[in-house]
PDB file of all heavy atoms in Angstrom:
ATOM      1  N   THR A   1       0.842  -1.201   0.000  1.00  0.00           N
ATOM      2  CA  THR A   1       0.000   0.000   0.000  1.00  0.00           C
ATOM      3  C   THR A   1       0.876   1.249   0.000  1.00  0.00           C
ATOM      4  O   THR A   1       2.097   1.185   0.080  1.00  0.00           O
ATOM      5  CB  THR A   1      -0.916   0.032   1.243  1.00  0.00           C
ATOM      6  OG1 THR A   1      -0.096   0.097   2.417  1.00  0.00           O
ATOM      7  CG2 THR A   1      -1.813  -1.176   1.307  1.00  0.00           C
ATOM      8  N   ASP A   2       0.227   2.377  -0.053  1.00  0.00           N
ATOM      9  CA  ASP A   2       0.907   3.668  -0.027  1.00  0.00           C
ATOM     10  C   ASP A   2       1.559   3.853   1.341  1.00  0.00           C
ATOM     11  O   ASP A   2       0.874   3.874   2.364  1.00  0.00           O
ATOM     12  CB  ASP A   2      -0.127   4.767  -0.295  1.00  0.00           C
ATOM     13  CG  ASP A   2       0.465   6.158  -0.300  1.00  0.00           C
ATOM     14  OD1 ASP A   2       1.703   6.300  -0.172  1.00  0.00           O
ATOM     15  OD2 ASP A   2      -0.320   7.118  -0.428  1.00  0.00           O
ATOM     16  N   GLU A   3       2.877   4.008   1.362  1.00  0.00           N
ATOM     17  CA  GLU A   3       3.608   4.134   2.628  1.00  0.00           C
ATOM     18  C   GLU A   3       3.173   5.338   3.441  1.00  0.00           C
ATOM     19  O   GLU A   3       3.346   5.356   4.655  1.00  0.00           O
ATOM     20  CB  GLU A   3       5.119   4.223   2.369  1.00  0.00           C
ATOM     21  CG  GLU A   3       5.716   2.917   1.944  1.00  0.00           C
ATOM     22  CD  GLU A   3       7.218   3.027   1.670  1.00  0.00           C
ATOM     23  OE1 GLU A   3       7.755   4.161   1.612  1.00  0.00           O
ATOM     24  OE2 GLU A   3       7.829   1.974   1.517  1.00  0.00           O
ATOM     25  N   THR A   4       2.604   6.348   2.801  1.00  0.00           N
ATOM     26  CA  THR A   4       2.175   7.523   3.553  1.00  0.00           C
ATOM     27  C   THR A   4       1.026   7.193   4.502  1.00  0.00           C
ATOM     28  O   THR A   4       0.734   7.966   5.404  1.00  0.00           O
ATOM     29  CB  THR A   4       1.756   8.677   2.621  1.00  0.00           C
ATOM     30  OG1 THR A   4       0.671   8.247   1.786  1.00  0.00           O
ATOM     31  CG2 THR A   4       2.934   9.135   1.771  1.00  0.00           C
ATOM     32  N   MET A   5       0.402   6.016   4.302  1.00  0.00           N
ATOM     33  CA  MET A   5      -0.657   5.585   5.221  1.00  0.00           C
ATOM     34  C   MET A   5      -0.104   5.297   6.612  1.00  0.00           C
ATOM     35  O   MET A   5      -0.800   5.433   7.600  1.00  0.00           O
ATOM     36  CB  MET A   5      -1.351   4.313   4.708  1.00  0.00           C
ATOM     37  CG  MET A   5      -2.335   4.518   3.611  1.00  0.00           C
ATOM     38  SD  MET A   5      -3.087   2.960   3.079  1.00  0.00           S
ATOM     39  CE  MET A   5      -3.679   2.238   4.579  1.00  0.00           C
ATOM     40  N   TYR A   6       1.154   4.868   6.676  1.00  0.00           N
ATOM     41  CA  TYR A   6       1.697   4.461   7.971  1.00  0.00           C
ATOM     42  C   TYR A   6       3.084   5.020   8.283  1.00  0.00           C
ATOM     43  O   TYR A   6       3.493   5.022   9.431  1.00  0.00           O
ATOM     44  CB  TYR A   6       1.720   2.936   8.098  1.00  0.00           C
ATOM     45  CG  TYR A   6       2.483   2.213   7.013  1.00  0.00           C
ATOM     46  CD1 TYR A   6       3.831   1.986   7.115  1.00  0.00           C
ATOM     47  CD2 TYR A   6       1.826   1.760   5.866  1.00  0.00           C
ATOM     48  CE1 TYR A   6       4.531   1.334   6.115  1.00  0.00           C
ATOM     49  CE2 TYR A   6       2.519   1.099   4.865  1.00  0.00           C
ATOM     50  CZ  TYR A   6       3.864   0.891   4.997  1.00  0.00           C
ATOM     51  OH  TYR A   6       4.551   0.243   4.013  1.00  0.00           O
ATOM     52  N   HIS A   7       3.820   5.482   7.297  1.00  0.00           N
ATOM     53  CA  HIS A   7       5.146   6.032   7.599  1.00  0.00           C
ATOM     54  C   HIS A   7       5.007   7.361   8.322  1.00  0.00           C
ATOM     55  O   HIS A   7       4.200   8.196   7.958  1.00  0.00           O
ATOM     56  CB  HIS A   7       5.963   6.230   6.321  1.00  0.00           C
ATOM     57  CG  HIS A   7       6.829   5.056   6.018  1.00  0.00           C
ATOM     58  ND1 HIS A   7       7.916   5.136   5.204  1.00  0.00           N
ATOM     59  CD2 HIS A   7       6.788   3.773   6.437  1.00  0.00           C
ATOM     60  CE1 HIS A   7       8.499   3.951   5.116  1.00  0.00           C
ATOM     61  NE2 HIS A   7       7.823   3.107   5.853  1.00  0.00           N
ATOM     62  N   ALA A   8       5.828   7.531   9.356  1.00  0.00           N
ATOM     63  CA  ALA A   8       5.855   8.765  10.129  1.00  0.00           C
ATOM     64  C   ALA A   8       7.216   9.426   9.916  1.00  0.00           C
ATOM     65  O   ALA A   8       8.076   8.907   9.203  1.00  0.00           O
ATOM     66  CB  ALA A   8       5.616   8.453  11.600  1.00  0.00           C
ATOM     67  N   THR A   9       7.413  10.541  10.561  1.00  0.00           N
ATOM     68  CA  THR A   9       8.652  11.303  10.415  1.00  0.00           C
ATOM     69  C   THR A   9       9.908  10.452  10.615  1.00  0.00           C
ATOM     70  O   THR A   9      10.842  10.542   9.813  1.00  0.00           O
ATOM     71  CB  THR A   9       8.647  12.516  11.363  1.00  0.00           C
ATOM     72  OG1 THR A   9       7.510  13.324  11.039  1.00  0.00           O
ATOM     73  CG2 THR A   9       9.913  13.337  11.237  1.00  0.00           C
ATOM     74  N   PRO A  10       9.980   9.599  11.663  1.00  0.00           N
ATOM     75  CA  PRO A  10      11.206   8.806  11.833  1.00  0.00           C
ATOM     76  C   PRO A  10      11.520   7.898  10.643  1.00  0.00           C
ATOM     77  O   PRO A  10      12.689   7.750  10.271  1.00  0.00           O
ATOM     78  CB  PRO A  10      10.929   7.977  13.087  1.00  0.00           C
ATOM     79  CG  PRO A  10       9.920   8.760  13.844  1.00  0.00           C
ATOM     80  CD  PRO A  10       9.065   9.422  12.793  1.00  0.00           C
ATOM     81  N   GLN A  11      10.508   7.302  10.034  1.00  0.00           N
ATOM     82  CA  GLN A  11      10.749   6.432   8.885  1.00  0.00           C
ATOM     83  C   GLN A  11      11.177   7.246   7.667  1.00  0.00           C
ATOM     84  O   GLN A  11      12.044   6.816   6.905  1.00  0.00           O
ATOM     85  CB  GLN A  11       9.504   5.597   8.552  1.00  0.00           C
ATOM     86  CG  GLN A  11       9.215   4.523   9.555  1.00  0.00           C
ATOM     87  CD  GLN A  11       8.702   5.076  10.862  1.00  0.00           C
ATOM     88  OE1 GLN A  11       7.916   6.014  10.895  1.00  0.00           O
ATOM     89  NE2 GLN A  11       9.158   4.495  11.959  1.00  0.00           N
ATOM     90  N   THR A  12      10.581   8.410   7.488  1.00  0.00           N
ATOM     91  CA  THR A  12      10.955   9.276   6.377  1.00  0.00           C
ATOM     92  C   THR A  12      12.405   9.735   6.542  1.00  0.00           C
ATOM     93  O   THR A  12      13.187   9.709   5.586  1.00  0.00           O
ATOM     94  CB  THR A  12      10.011  10.486   6.285  1.00  0.00           C
ATOM     95  OG1 THR A  12       8.669   9.994   6.155  1.00  0.00           O
ATOM     96  CG2 THR A  12      10.349  11.371   5.103  1.00  0.00           C
ATOM     97  N   GLN A  13      12.780  10.132   7.760  1.00  0.00           N
ATOM     98  CA  GLN A  13      14.158  10.551   8.025  1.00  0.00           C
ATOM     99  C   GLN A  13      15.122   9.382   7.820  1.00  0.00           C
ATOM    100  O   GLN A  13      16.218   9.564   7.299  1.00  0.00           O
ATOM    101  CB  GLN A  13      14.288  11.099   9.444  1.00  0.00           C
ATOM    102  CG  GLN A  13      13.581  12.425   9.631  1.00  0.00           C
ATOM    103  CD  GLN A  13      13.518  12.858  11.080  1.00  0.00           C
ATOM    104  OE1 GLN A  13      13.478  12.045  11.997  1.00  0.00           O
ATOM    105  NE2 GLN A  13      13.501  14.163  11.286  1.00  0.00           N
ATOM    106  N   GLY A  14      14.714   8.195   8.238  1.00  0.00           N
ATOM    107  CA  GLY A  14      15.543   7.002   8.058  1.00  0.00           C
ATOM    108  C   GLY A  14      15.761   6.692   6.591  1.00  0.00           C
ATOM    109  O   GLY A  14      16.865   6.337   6.174  1.00  0.00           O
ATOM    110  N   ARG A  15      14.716   6.836   5.806  1.00  0.00           N
ATOM    111  CA  ARG A  15      14.841   6.590   4.367  1.00  0.00           C
ATOM    112  C   ARG A  15      15.797   7.588   3.739  1.00  0.00           C
ATOM    113  O   ARG A  15      16.631   7.231   2.913  1.00  0.00           O
ATOM    114  CB  ARG A  15      13.461   6.661   3.702  1.00  0.00           C
ATOM    115  CG  ARG A  15      13.591   6.533   2.187  1.00  0.00           C
ATOM    116  CD  ARG A  15      12.380   6.055   1.499  1.00  0.00           C
ATOM    117  NE  ARG A  15      12.208   4.648   1.817  1.00  0.00           N
ATOM    118  CZ  ARG A  15      11.047   4.096   2.081  1.00  0.00           C
ATOM    119  NH1 ARG A  15       9.965   4.811   2.081  1.00  0.00           N
ATOM    120  NH2 ARG A  15      10.953   2.811   2.343  1.00  0.00           N
ATOM    121  N   VAL A  16      15.710   8.841   4.147  1.00  0.00           N
ATOM    122  CA  VAL A  16      16.615   9.870   3.623  1.00  0.00           C
ATOM    123  C   VAL A  16      18.054   9.553   4.028  1.00  0.00           C
ATOM    124  O   VAL A  16      18.979   9.693   3.218  1.00  0.00           O
ATOM    125  CB  VAL A  16      16.188  11.279   4.110  1.00  0.00           C
ATOM    126  CG1 VAL A  16      17.249  12.313   3.805  1.00  0.00           C
ATOM    127  CG2 VAL A  16      14.859  11.674   3.481  1.00  0.00           C
ATOM    128  N   ALA A  17      18.256   9.095   5.264  1.00  0.00           N
ATOM    129  CA  ALA A  17      19.602   8.749   5.743  1.00  0.00           C
ATOM    130  C   ALA A  17      20.205   7.619   4.923  1.00  0.00           C
ATOM    131  O   ALA A  17      21.416   7.558   4.735  1.00  0.00           O
ATOM    132  CB  ALA A  17      19.562   8.365   7.216  1.00  0.00           C
ATOM    133  N   HIS A  18      19.362   6.742   4.412  1.00  0.00           N
ATOM    134  CA  HIS A  18      19.850   5.585   3.649  1.00  0.00           C
ATOM    135  C   HIS A  18      19.954   5.852   2.152  1.00  0.00           C
ATOM    136  O   HIS A  18      20.581   5.077   1.440  1.00  0.00           O
ATOM    137  CB  HIS A  18      18.933   4.382   3.886  1.00  0.00           C
ATOM    138  CG  HIS A  18      19.325   3.576   5.061  1.00  0.00           C
ATOM    139  ND1 HIS A  18      19.302   2.213   5.063  1.00  0.00           N
ATOM    140  CD2 HIS A  18      19.769   3.926   6.280  1.00  0.00           C
ATOM    141  CE1 HIS A  18      19.701   1.773   6.235  1.00  0.00           C
ATOM    142  NE2 HIS A  18      19.982   2.798   6.989  1.00  0.00           N
ATOM    143  N   GLU A  19      19.353   6.928   1.685  1.00  0.00           N
ATOM    144  CA  GLU A  19      19.342   7.217   0.250  1.00  0.00           C
ATOM    145  C   GLU A  19      20.735   7.222  -0.360  1.00  0.00           C
ATOM    146  O   GLU A  19      20.978   6.619  -1.399  1.00  0.00           O
ATOM    147  CB  GLU A  19      18.660   8.566  -0.017  1.00  0.00           C
ATOM    148  CG  GLU A  19      17.342   8.448  -0.688  1.00  0.00           C
ATOM    149  CD  GLU A  19      16.682   9.801  -0.885  1.00  0.00           C
ATOM    150  OE1 GLU A  19      17.388  10.816  -1.099  1.00  0.00           O
ATOM    151  OE2 GLU A  19      15.453   9.838  -0.816  1.00  0.00           O
ATOM    152  N   SER A  20      21.653   7.919   0.291  1.00  0.00           N
ATOM    153  CA  SER A  20      23.000   8.028  -0.284  1.00  0.00           C
ATOM    154  C   SER A  20      23.732   6.689  -0.262  1.00  0.00           C
ATOM    155  O   SER A  20      24.584   6.434  -1.113  1.00  0.00           O
ATOM    156  CB  SER A  20      23.816   9.103   0.436  1.00  0.00           C
ATOM    157  OG  SER A  20      23.983   8.761   1.788  1.00  0.00           O
ATOM    158  N   VAL A  21      23.388   5.818   0.679  1.00  0.00           N
ATOM    159  CA  VAL A  21      23.983   4.478   0.704  1.00  0.00           C
ATOM    160  C   VAL A  21      23.381   3.643  -0.420  1.00  0.00           C
ATOM    161  O   VAL A  21      24.097   2.988  -1.177  1.00  0.00           O
ATOM    162  CB  VAL A  21      23.756   3.790   2.066  1.00  0.00           C
ATOM    163  CG1 VAL A  21      24.150   2.334   2.006  1.00  0.00           C
ATOM    164  CG2 VAL A  21      24.548   4.494   3.151  1.00  0.00           C
ATOM    165  N   ASP A  22      22.059   3.674  -0.517  1.00  0.00           N
ATOM    166  CA  ASP A  22      21.383   2.884  -1.548  1.00  0.00           C
ATOM    167  C   ASP A  22      21.801   3.305  -2.957  1.00  0.00           C
ATOM    168  O   ASP A  22      21.925   2.466  -3.844  1.00  0.00           O
ATOM    169  CB  ASP A  22      19.865   2.994  -1.399  1.00  0.00           C
ATOM    170  CG  ASP A  22      19.359   2.357  -0.112  1.00  0.00           C
ATOM    171  OD1 ASP A  22      20.060   1.476   0.441  1.00  0.00           O
ATOM    172  OD2 ASP A  22      18.270   2.739   0.365  1.00  0.00           O
ATOM    173  N   LYS A  23      22.038   4.595  -3.138  1.00  0.00           N
ATOM    174  CA  LYS A  23      22.484   5.101  -4.438  1.00  0.00           C
ATOM    175  C   LYS A  23      24.002   5.020  -4.587  1.00  0.00           C
ATOM    176  O   LYS A  23      24.541   5.418  -5.617  1.00  0.00           O
ATOM    177  CB  LYS A  23      22.021   6.550  -4.628  1.00  0.00           C
ATOM    178  CG  LYS A  23      20.524   6.689  -4.760  1.00  0.00           C
ATOM    179  CD  LYS A  23      20.137   8.140  -4.920  1.00  0.00           C
ATOM    180  CE  LYS A  23      18.641   8.294  -5.061  1.00  0.00           C
ATOM    181  NZ  LYS A  23      18.247   9.705  -5.186  1.00  0.00           N
ATOM    182  N   LYS A  24      24.663   4.560  -3.527  1.00  0.00           N
ATOM    183  CA  LYS A  24      26.131   4.391  -3.490  1.00  0.00           C
ATOM    184  C   LYS A  24      26.863   5.706  -3.723  1.00  0.00           C
ATOM    185  O   LYS A  24      27.895   5.762  -4.378  1.00  0.00           O
ATOM    186  CB  LYS A  24      26.578   3.307  -4.467  1.00  0.00           C
ATOM    187  CG  LYS A  24      25.962   1.956  -4.128  1.00  0.00           C
ATOM    188  CD  LYS A  24      26.500   0.849  -4.963  1.00  0.00           C
ATOM    189  CE  LYS A  24      25.806  -0.450  -4.527  1.00  0.00           C
ATOM    190  NZ  LYS A  24      26.448  -1.621  -5.001  1.00  0.00           N
ATOM    191  N   THR A  25      26.313   6.777  -3.125  1.00  0.00           N
ATOM    192  CA  THR A  25      26.955   8.082  -3.210  1.00  0.00           C
ATOM    193  C   THR A  25      27.421   8.579  -1.844  1.00  0.00           C
ATOM    194  O   THR A  25      27.906   9.702  -1.728  1.00  0.00           O
ATOM    195  CB  THR A  25      25.999   9.128  -3.829  1.00  0.00           C
ATOM    196  OG1 THR A  25      24.830   9.232  -3.007  1.00  0.00           O
ATOM    197  CG2 THR A  25      25.622   8.758  -5.251  1.00  0.00           C
ATOM    198  N   ALA A  26      27.273   7.767  -0.794  1.00  0.00           N
ATOM    199  CA  ALA A  26      27.650   8.170   0.566  1.00  0.00           C
ATOM    200  C   ALA A  26      29.157   8.308   0.723  1.00  0.00           C
ATOM    201  O   ALA A  26      29.631   8.987   1.626  1.00  0.00           O
ATOM    202  CB  ALA A  26      27.112   7.176   1.585  1.00  0.00           C
ATOM    203  N   SER A  27      29.898   7.665  -0.146  1.00  0.00           N
ATOM    204  CA  SER A  27      31.356   7.746  -0.088  1.00  0.00           C
ATOM    205  C   SER A  27      31.916   7.546  -1.486  1.00  0.00           C
ATOM    206  O   SER A  27      31.380   6.767  -2.265  1.00  0.00           O
ATOM    207  CB  SER A  27      31.907   6.652   0.835  1.00  0.00           C
ATOM    208  OG  SER A  27      33.317   6.604   0.768  1.00  0.00           O
ATOM    209  N   ASN A  28      32.988   8.263  -1.784  1.00  0.00           N
ATOM    210  CA  ASN A  28      33.655   8.053  -3.069  1.00  0.00           C
ATOM    211  C   ASN A  28      35.007   7.376  -2.868  1.00  0.00           C
ATOM    212  O   ASN A  28      35.808   7.303  -3.790  1.00  0.00           O
ATOM    213  CB  ASN A  28      33.785   9.377  -3.839  1.00  0.00           C
ATOM    214  CG  ASN A  28      34.570  10.417  -3.066  1.00  0.00           C
ATOM    215  OD1 ASN A  28      35.095  10.148  -1.993  1.00  0.00           O
ATOM    216  ND2 ASN A  28      34.631  11.622  -3.624  1.00  0.00           N
ATOM    217  N   ARG A  29      35.249   6.884  -1.666  1.00  0.00           N
ATOM    218  CA  ARG A  29      36.499   6.178  -1.382  1.00  0.00           C
ATOM    219  C   ARG A  29      36.460   4.797  -2.026  1.00  0.00           C
ATOM    220  O   ARG A  29      35.502   4.043  -1.848  1.00  0.00           O
ATOM    221  CB  ARG A  29      36.714   6.055   0.113  1.00  0.00           C
ATOM    222  CG  ARG A  29      36.957   7.397   0.766  1.00  0.00           C
ATOM    223  CD  ARG A  29      37.307   7.236   2.232  1.00  0.00           C
ATOM    224  NE  ARG A  29      37.546   8.548   2.809  1.00  0.00           N
ATOM    225  CZ  ARG A  29      36.917   9.011   3.865  1.00  0.00           C
ATOM    226  NH1 ARG A  29      36.044   8.263   4.501  1.00  0.00           N
ATOM    227  NH2 ARG A  29      37.187  10.207   4.314  1.00  0.00           N
ATOM    228  N   ALA A  30      37.494   4.458  -2.721  1.00  0.00           N
ATOM    229  CA  ALA A  30      37.552   3.188  -3.450  1.00  0.00           C
ATOM    230  C   ALA A  30      37.469   1.979  -2.519  1.00  0.00           C
ATOM    231  O   ALA A  30      36.987   0.919  -2.923  1.00  0.00           O
ATOM    232  CB  ALA A  30      38.830   3.119  -4.277  1.00  0.00           C
ATOM    233  N   ASN A  31      37.905   2.132  -1.286  1.00  0.00           N
ATOM    234  CA  ASN A  31      37.910   1.007  -0.348  1.00  0.00           C
ATOM    235  C   ASN A  31      36.642   0.895   0.483  1.00  0.00           C
ATOM    236  O   ASN A  31      36.564   0.030   1.354  1.00  0.00           O
ATOM    237  CB  ASN A  31      39.130   1.100   0.578  1.00  0.00           C
ATOM    238  CG  ASN A  31      40.413   0.828  -0.173  1.00  0.00           C
ATOM    239  OD1 ASN A  31      40.503  -0.145  -0.918  1.00  0.00           O
ATOM    240  ND2 ASN A  31      41.392   1.688  -0.002  1.00  0.00           N
ATOM    241  N   ASP A  32      35.667   1.749   0.249  1.00  0.00           N
ATOM    242  CA  ASP A  32      34.390   1.665   0.966  1.00  0.00           C
ATOM    243  C   ASP A  32      33.386   0.897   0.110  1.00  0.00           C
ATOM    244  O   ASP A  32      33.193   1.210  -1.064  1.00  0.00           O
ATOM    245  CB  ASP A  32      33.835   3.055   1.267  1.00  0.00           C
ATOM    246  CG  ASP A  32      34.620   3.780   2.353  1.00  0.00           C
ATOM    247  OD1 ASP A  32      35.546   3.176   2.934  1.00  0.00           O
ATOM    248  OD2 ASP A  32      34.291   4.944   2.618  1.00  0.00           O
ATOM    249  N   ILE A  33      32.778  -0.091   0.707  1.00  0.00           N
ATOM    250  CA  ILE A  33      31.730  -0.867   0.038  1.00  0.00           C
ATOM    251  C   ILE A  33      30.399  -0.392   0.589  1.00  0.00           C
ATOM    252  O   ILE A  33      30.182  -0.378   1.808  1.00  0.00           O
ATOM    253  CB  ILE A  33      31.909  -2.377   0.270  1.00  0.00           C
ATOM    254  CG1 ILE A  33      33.240  -2.849  -0.311  1.00  0.00           C
ATOM    255  CG2 ILE A  33      30.742  -3.160  -0.331  1.00  0.00           C
ATOM    256  CD1 ILE A  33      33.571  -4.304  -0.004  1.00  0.00           C
TER     257      ILE A  33
END
């Protein structure tokens, strides 16, 4: 279902915190996975 039905601020903030990891842009160091 639509996540806005149940997602609250903490989940939205958590998703934003993970965005750069999921897109693999959180680090440009060659040794970071």
